[in-house]
N, C-alpha and C. Protein backbone atom coordinates (compact mmCIF):
# COMPACT_ATOMS: atom_id res chain seq x y z
N MET A 1 -5.93 0.06 0.36
CA MET A 1 -5.94 -1.26 -0.23
C MET A 1 -5.33 -1.24 -1.63
N ARG A 2 -5.09 -0.07 -2.15
CA ARG A 2 -4.42 0.08 -3.45
C ARG A 2 -5.16 -0.61 -4.59
N VAL A 3 -6.44 -0.35 -4.68
CA VAL A 3 -7.24 -0.85 -5.80
C VAL A 3 -7.84 0.33 -6.52
N LEU A 4 -8.15 0.14 -7.76
CA LEU A 4 -8.79 1.17 -8.57
C LEU A 4 -10.29 1.20 -8.29
N PRO A 5 -10.92 2.35 -8.47
CA PRO A 5 -12.38 2.42 -8.28
C PRO A 5 -13.13 1.40 -9.14
N SER A 6 -12.59 1.08 -10.30
CA SER A 6 -13.25 0.11 -11.19
C SER A 6 -13.17 -1.32 -10.65
N GLN A 7 -12.37 -1.54 -9.60
CA GLN A 7 -12.22 -2.86 -9.01
C GLN A 7 -13.05 -3.02 -7.74
N VAL A 8 -13.89 -2.02 -7.45
CA VAL A 8 -14.64 -2.00 -6.19
C VAL A 8 -16.14 -2.01 -6.46
N LEU A 9 -16.88 -2.71 -5.64
CA LEU A 9 -18.34 -2.63 -5.62
C LEU A 9 -18.75 -2.32 -4.19
N HIS A 10 -19.32 -1.16 -3.99
CA HIS A 10 -19.78 -0.78 -2.64
C HIS A 10 -21.21 -1.25 -2.48
N ILE A 11 -21.48 -1.96 -1.41
CA ILE A 11 -22.82 -2.49 -1.12
C ILE A 11 -23.37 -1.77 0.10
N GLY A 12 -24.55 -1.19 -0.03
CA GLY A 12 -25.14 -0.49 1.10
C GLY A 12 -26.63 -0.30 0.93
N ASP A 13 -27.28 0.05 2.04
CA ASP A 13 -28.74 0.22 2.01
C ASP A 13 -29.18 1.67 2.10
N SER A 14 -28.25 2.60 2.11
CA SER A 14 -28.60 4.01 2.21
C SER A 14 -28.22 4.75 0.92
N LEU A 15 -29.22 5.34 0.29
CA LEU A 15 -28.93 6.13 -0.92
C LEU A 15 -28.07 7.34 -0.59
N SER A 16 -28.40 8.02 0.50
CA SER A 16 -27.70 9.26 0.82
C SER A 16 -26.28 9.04 1.30
N SER A 17 -26.00 7.94 1.95
CA SER A 17 -24.66 7.68 2.46
C SER A 17 -23.89 6.72 1.57
N ASP A 18 -24.43 5.55 1.36
CA ASP A 18 -23.71 4.51 0.63
C ASP A 18 -23.62 4.77 -0.86
N VAL A 19 -24.75 4.90 -1.50
CA VAL A 19 -24.77 5.05 -2.96
C VAL A 19 -24.18 6.40 -3.37
N ALA A 20 -24.58 7.47 -2.71
CA ALA A 20 -24.06 8.79 -3.07
C ALA A 20 -22.56 8.88 -2.81
N GLY A 21 -22.10 8.30 -1.71
CA GLY A 21 -20.67 8.31 -1.40
C GLY A 21 -19.86 7.57 -2.44
N ALA A 22 -20.33 6.40 -2.82
CA ALA A 22 -19.64 5.62 -3.86
C ALA A 22 -19.66 6.37 -5.18
N TYR A 23 -20.79 6.92 -5.53
CA TYR A 23 -20.93 7.68 -6.78
C TYR A 23 -19.92 8.83 -6.82
N ASN A 24 -19.80 9.54 -5.74
CA ASN A 24 -18.88 10.68 -5.68
C ASN A 24 -17.42 10.26 -5.84
N LEU A 25 -17.11 9.01 -5.54
CA LEU A 25 -15.74 8.50 -5.69
C LEU A 25 -15.54 7.72 -6.98
N GLY A 26 -16.58 7.63 -7.79
CA GLY A 26 -16.48 6.91 -9.05
C GLY A 26 -16.49 5.40 -8.87
N ILE A 27 -17.13 4.95 -7.80
CA ILE A 27 -17.19 3.52 -7.47
C ILE A 27 -18.59 2.99 -7.78
N ASP A 28 -18.66 1.83 -8.42
CA ASP A 28 -19.95 1.19 -8.64
C ASP A 28 -20.59 0.84 -7.30
N SER A 29 -21.91 0.88 -7.28
CA SER A 29 -22.60 0.60 -6.03
C SER A 29 -23.76 -0.36 -6.26
N PHE A 30 -24.05 -1.09 -5.20
CA PHE A 30 -25.21 -1.97 -5.16
C PHE A 30 -26.09 -1.48 -4.03
N TRP A 31 -27.28 -1.00 -4.40
CA TRP A 31 -28.22 -0.51 -3.39
C TRP A 31 -29.03 -1.69 -2.89
N LEU A 32 -28.88 -2.02 -1.64
CA LEU A 32 -29.64 -3.08 -0.99
C LEU A 32 -30.98 -2.47 -0.56
N ASN A 33 -31.97 -2.62 -1.43
CA ASN A 33 -33.26 -1.96 -1.27
C ASN A 33 -34.28 -2.96 -0.72
N ARG A 34 -34.10 -3.34 0.53
CA ARG A 34 -34.98 -4.36 1.15
C ARG A 34 -36.43 -3.92 1.24
N LYS A 35 -36.66 -2.63 1.40
CA LYS A 35 -38.02 -2.13 1.57
C LYS A 35 -38.64 -1.67 0.26
N LYS A 36 -37.95 -1.91 -0.84
CA LYS A 36 -38.43 -1.58 -2.20
C LYS A 36 -38.86 -0.12 -2.31
N ARG A 37 -38.01 0.75 -1.81
CA ARG A 37 -38.27 2.19 -1.87
C ARG A 37 -37.97 2.74 -3.26
N ASN A 38 -38.58 3.87 -3.58
CA ASN A 38 -38.26 4.58 -4.81
C ASN A 38 -37.02 5.42 -4.57
N ALA A 39 -36.17 5.47 -5.56
CA ALA A 39 -34.95 6.29 -5.45
C ALA A 39 -35.34 7.76 -5.47
N ALA A 40 -35.01 8.47 -4.39
CA ALA A 40 -35.38 9.87 -4.27
C ALA A 40 -34.21 10.80 -4.60
N TYR A 41 -33.01 10.22 -4.70
CA TYR A 41 -31.83 11.05 -4.95
C TYR A 41 -31.52 11.13 -6.43
N ASN A 42 -30.79 12.17 -6.79
CA ASN A 42 -30.44 12.40 -8.18
C ASN A 42 -29.42 11.40 -8.70
N CYS A 43 -28.64 10.81 -7.83
CA CYS A 43 -27.69 9.80 -8.28
C CYS A 43 -28.29 8.42 -8.07
N SER A 44 -28.01 7.54 -8.98
CA SER A 44 -28.61 6.21 -8.87
C SER A 44 -27.53 5.16 -8.70
N ALA A 45 -27.90 4.07 -8.11
CA ALA A 45 -26.99 2.95 -7.90
C ALA A 45 -26.73 2.26 -9.23
N THR A 46 -25.56 1.67 -9.34
CA THR A 46 -25.22 0.90 -10.53
C THR A 46 -26.09 -0.35 -10.60
N PHE A 47 -26.31 -0.96 -9.44
CA PHE A 47 -27.12 -2.17 -9.33
C PHE A 47 -28.08 -2.01 -8.15
N VAL A 48 -29.24 -2.67 -8.25
CA VAL A 48 -30.22 -2.63 -7.16
C VAL A 48 -30.73 -4.05 -6.93
N GLY A 49 -30.89 -4.42 -5.67
CA GLY A 49 -31.46 -5.71 -5.34
C GLY A 49 -32.19 -5.63 -4.02
N ASN A 50 -32.99 -6.64 -3.74
CA ASN A 50 -33.80 -6.65 -2.52
C ASN A 50 -33.17 -7.45 -1.38
N ASN A 51 -32.14 -8.24 -1.69
CA ASN A 51 -31.47 -9.01 -0.64
C ASN A 51 -30.02 -9.26 -1.07
N LEU A 52 -29.22 -9.71 -0.13
CA LEU A 52 -27.80 -9.89 -0.41
C LEU A 52 -27.52 -10.99 -1.42
N THR A 53 -28.42 -11.94 -1.57
CA THR A 53 -28.18 -12.97 -2.57
C THR A 53 -28.23 -12.41 -3.99
N ASP A 54 -28.88 -11.26 -4.17
CA ASP A 54 -28.90 -10.60 -5.48
C ASP A 54 -27.50 -10.14 -5.89
N VAL A 55 -26.63 -9.90 -4.94
CA VAL A 55 -25.26 -9.48 -5.24
C VAL A 55 -24.52 -10.57 -5.98
N ILE A 56 -24.84 -11.81 -5.71
CA ILE A 56 -24.16 -12.93 -6.37
C ILE A 56 -24.30 -12.83 -7.89
N GLU A 57 -25.47 -12.47 -8.35
CA GLU A 57 -25.69 -12.33 -9.79
C GLU A 57 -24.84 -11.21 -10.38
N VAL A 58 -24.64 -10.16 -9.63
CA VAL A 58 -23.84 -9.03 -10.10
C VAL A 58 -22.37 -9.44 -10.21
N LEU A 59 -21.92 -10.26 -9.29
CA LEU A 59 -20.50 -10.62 -9.24
C LEU A 59 -20.12 -11.73 -10.22
N LYS A 60 -21.10 -12.36 -10.84
CA LYS A 60 -20.79 -13.44 -11.79
C LYS A 60 -20.15 -12.93 -13.05
């Protein structure tokens, strides 16, 4: 898609796959934490929300 990592926001519900993968590529991530789990991994999401409507606030 020819975009820079700074132009991407990866949205996902898995810390081990979505958030860690984005982190490893230098991409901001939004952890969709519907079950309000505690982050168990060493890398953390740039943004966290409980539902997809929370993403709207991030994108403003």
